[in-house]
Protein backbone atom coordinates (compact mmCIF):
# COMPACT_ATOMS: atom_id res chain seq x y z
CA MET A 1 -16.27 1.54 -11.30
CA ASN A 2 -15.43 4.56 -13.36
CA LEU A 3 -12.28 6.65 -13.23
CA ILE A 4 -13.81 9.47 -11.18
CA GLN A 5 -14.95 7.10 -8.42
CA LEU A 6 -11.51 5.52 -8.35
CA PHE A 7 -9.83 8.92 -8.11
CA VAL A 8 -12.14 10.03 -5.26
CA PHE A 9 -11.52 6.76 -3.44
CA VAL A 10 -7.72 7.12 -3.69
CA ILE A 11 -7.88 10.74 -2.45
CA LEU A 12 -10.06 9.73 0.52
CA MET A 13 -7.74 6.88 1.37
CA ALA A 14 -4.74 9.21 1.31
CA LEU A 15 -6.52 11.73 3.55
CA ILE A 16 -7.41 9.02 6.06
CA SER A 17 -4.03 7.27 6.08
CA SER A 18 -1.83 10.35 6.46
CA PRO A 19 -2.82 11.21 10.07
CA ILE A 20 -2.78 7.52 10.97
CA GLU A 21 0.80 7.20 9.71
CA ARG A 22 1.89 10.30 11.63
CA ARG A 23 0.38 8.93 14.86
CA LEU A 24 1.94 5.48 14.34
CA ARG A 25 5.37 6.99 13.76
CA GLU A 26 5.06 8.99 16.98
CA LYS A 27 3.89 6.00 18.97
CA LEU A 28 6.53 3.59 17.61
CA ASN A 29 9.25 6.26 17.67
CA VAL A 30 10.11 5.77 13.99
CA GLN A 31 11.59 8.74 12.18
CA ARG A 32 10.46 9.52 8.66
CA LYS A 33 13.22 9.12 6.07
CA LYS A 34 14.16 12.14 3.99
CA GLY A 35 12.67 12.30 0.54
CA TRP A 36 9.29 11.86 -1.04
CA PHE A 37 9.47 8.22 -2.09
CA VAL A 38 10.05 5.03 -0.20
CA HIS A 39 13.42 4.22 1.33
CA PHE A 40 14.74 1.07 -0.35
CA VAL A 41 16.64 -1.11 2.12
CA HIS A 42 18.01 -3.63 -0.38
CA PRO A 43 18.61 -3.66 -4.16
CA SER A 44 16.25 -6.60 -4.58
CA GLN A 45 13.43 -4.48 -3.15
CA THR A 46 13.78 -2.05 -6.03
CA VAL A 47 13.59 -4.84 -8.60
CA LEU A 48 10.59 -6.49 -6.91
CA GLU A 49 8.68 -3.21 -6.60
CA ILE A 50 9.28 -2.39 -10.27
CA PHE A 51 8.06 -5.88 -11.18
CA LEU A 52 4.92 -5.36 -9.05
CA LEU A 53 4.33 -1.99 -10.68
CA PHE A 54 4.56 -3.43 -14.20
CA LEU A 55 2.29 -6.29 -13.19
CA PHE A 56 -0.18 -3.78 -11.76
CA ILE A 57 -0.17 -1.61 -14.89
CA PHE A 58 -0.63 -4.64 -17.15
CA SER A 59 -3.49 -6.02 -15.02
CA PHE A 60 -5.07 -2.60 -14.67
CA PHE A 61 -5.39 -2.09 -18.42
CA ARG A 62 -6.16 -5.73 -19.18
CA TYR A 63 -9.03 -6.05 -16.69
CA TRP A 64 -10.04 -2.39 -16.47
CA ASP A 65 -13.81 -2.63 -16.31
CA GLU A 66 -14.25 -5.96 -14.57
CA HIS A 67 -11.99 -5.95 -11.54
CA THR A 68 -10.54 -2.46 -11.18
CA LEU A 69 -10.89 -2.07 -7.44
CA LEU A 70 -9.76 -5.64 -6.79
CA ILE A 71 -6.56 -5.00 -8.77
CA VAL A 72 -5.87 -1.75 -6.89
CA PHE A 73 -6.36 -3.41 -3.51
CA ALA A 74 -4.26 -6.43 -4.44
CA PHE A 75 -1.43 -4.17 -5.59
CA LEU A 76 -1.51 -2.03 -2.44
CA ILE A 77 -1.61 -5.05 -0.14
CA ALA A 78 1.20 -6.82 -2.01
CA LEU A 79 3.32 -3.66 -2.02
CA ASP A 80 2.94 -3.07 1.72
CA LEU A 81 3.62 -6.73 2.51
CA LEU A 82 6.75 -6.66 0.34
CA ARG A 83 7.97 -3.48 2.05
CA ALA A 84 7.21 -4.92 5.49
CA PHE A 85 9.17 -8.08 4.68
CA MET A 86 12.16 -6.14 3.32
CA HIS A 87 12.30 -3.83 6.34
CA TRP A 88 11.90 -6.78 8.70
CA LYS A 89 14.62 -8.75 6.92
CA PHE A 90 17.23 -6.00 6.48
CA GLU A 91 16.37 -3.22 9.00
CA ARG A 92 14.62 -5.02 11.81
CA SER A 93 15.62 -2.48 14.46
CA SER A 94 13.89 0.45 12.73
CA ARG A 95 10.36 -0.95 13.33
CA GLU A 96 9.30 0.50 9.97
CA TRP A 97 8.06 -2.98 9.12
CA VAL A 98 5.36 -2.69 11.80
CA ILE A 99 3.92 0.37 10.07
CA HIS A 100 3.80 -1.44 6.72
CA LEU A 101 2.07 -4.45 8.31
CA ILE A 102 -0.52 -2.19 9.90
CA TYR A 103 -1.12 -0.52 6.53
CA ALA A 104 -1.56 -3.90 4.84
CA ASN A 105 -4.10 -4.86 7.50
CA PHE A 106 -5.88 -1.49 7.13
CA ILE A 107 -6.18 -1.96 3.37
CA THR A 108 -7.37 -5.55 3.77
CA ILE A 109 -10.07 -4.54 6.27
CA LEU A 110 -11.13 -1.69 3.99
CA PHE A 111 -11.33 -4.09 1.05
CA ILE A 112 -13.47 -6.56 3.00
CA LEU A 113 -15.71 -3.76 4.24
CA LEU A 114 -16.24 -2.41 0.72
CA PHE A 115 -16.87 -5.92 -0.57
CA PHE A 116 -19.61 -6.55 1.98
CA LEU A 117 -21.13 -3.12 1.35
CA GLN A 118 -21.20 -4.13 -2.33
CA VAL A 119 -19.39 -1.05 -3.56
CA PHE A 120 -17.89 -3.06 -6.42
């Protein structure tokens, strides 16, 4: 997979997931936190997400041509599962964790679908 295909795929995923997130937040009555980035609920979440990001960057450049899409999907799934766990553990009443679990499932289903369509 070349860089242009990866860029187009990420843009399409963002365009698809944005209305889904808006609808989920309305349905679950979860308010969006102020700011552009994620709302960290515990200091350990920050450390773990930075570790995941460094692991992703290292893997991305190490296995660039062979497993690019697999690395991207693994990172996104791990990140959403980590965020879901942290929100469930420390802010259970906000139900933000449900949205992150749904996103992790959405990404997993998309990964399986692309795998069986032999996109990569």
